[in-house]
Amino acid sequence: MMKTPALLSSLLASCLILPAYAAQTPAYPTLSGKAPLIIAHRGASGYLPEHTLEAYARAVELGADYIEPDLVSTKDGVLIARHEPNLKDSTDVASRPEFADRKKKLLVDGVEEEGWFAPDFTLAEIKTLRAVQQRADRPQEFNGQFPIPTFEEILVLREKLSKQAGREVGIYPETKHPSWHAAQQLALEPALLAGLKKHGLNRKNAPVFIQSFESANLKALRKQTPVKLVFLLDGNDVTVDGKMQAGRPYDFVLSGDSRTFVDLTKPAALKEIRRFADGIGPWKPYIMASEGMADKKTGQAADVNGDKVVDMQDRTLLEPGTLVRDAHKAGLFVHAYTFRNEPKYLAANFMNDPLEEYKAYYALGVDGVFSDFADTALKARSLK
């Protein structure tokens, strides 16, 4: 690794190997041999407030193959689409005086959070809230316009969008904090399966993937449904020298299993995962990690490009690991997350061009990508 920020241009020149690698790959080396799926991460969340019917519809318009609702439960056991049970960042609940007394501190998977939590609200109360854009650098003009959808409403929308688009639009629900929800006496899985069954989707080869960061509920689901299941692989950070830092699945914490998500990327663990899941959903650095330059004074990642912010633009990619190949060997497909257009999320190798990032991962054989910008993912796929 280069040691001097002034030599950034030289560093980039030496590391721009991925597009060339992609050009040498004659076809997508996916598990099925088909082009990778485009999964609309929380809908068209790069353009509209996430997890709204409007965001899902926009994502399909932009070319998404699947829409992805994260599911949490209301007090009365109705599944709604929110990224977390805590509503403070994704809704306007903090500005609603009628709910001021609902604010509290709560442990979610062992971590204390403060805010307003979905299980403290009935569906009727949830329906008075409106979605907001969580990221300050994304469009804010739609804040307060769109209601919070139920899983049932999303399933109805999926059918409508499929007819309008003239193609089958898939749905990719995530069970958020399943052990935590079960402890609240609000298990997610019965309502999830009931919804799929009602809409004729609880069947083999249905355009459905169910995902989870925990293995216990996937193992239980494997006995209850023939739809495809996906085990997600989380990560906390990547060190300056490119080492992955990751915690444990929360069901592992509860059961005393000491293995981390990193341990679960090993070939033997992948074979074990194949017994209860059809695929894995790894954080991108598990496939291609990156390294930065250490600040001589602090030892922390340095601001290589001099923009006074340390982000992915100050890091360069290491050689791809073997996770995709190992997963495919175990019979698992690989859907990687999360792809975003903003330069701060792109390693220096990609020169601020998100198309190059997609092309690099497509060339490595990922079977699908979770993207905030389905149109960009589609454009990159069309360039193959």
Foldseek 3Di string as FASTA:
>chain_A
DDFALVCVVVVLVVFLCLVVLLVVFPAFQALVSDFFAAEAFQALLLAAQGQFLVRNLVLVVLPHQEYEFEWDAALVQFTWGDPFQFCAQFKPQVVDPVCPVQWDWDAQLNDIDTHHGRSVHDVVRQQVIWTARRDPPGDGPCHPPTGIGTPLVVLVSQVVSCVVVVHRRAYEYEHPSQVRCVVVVRHDPVNVCVSCVVSVQQAAPRRYEYEYCDVPVLQVVLVVGNYAYEHEQDFDDAAQAFRTHFADRSVCVVVVPRDTSVNCLDLVNLLVSVVRGQAYEYEVSLFKTKHAHADPVPRGGDPSVPPPDDAQQRIGIDPTDCSCVSNSVSNHAYEYDDQEQAQRHHHVNCVSGSLSVLSSVSSVNHNYYHYSHSNSNVVSSVVD
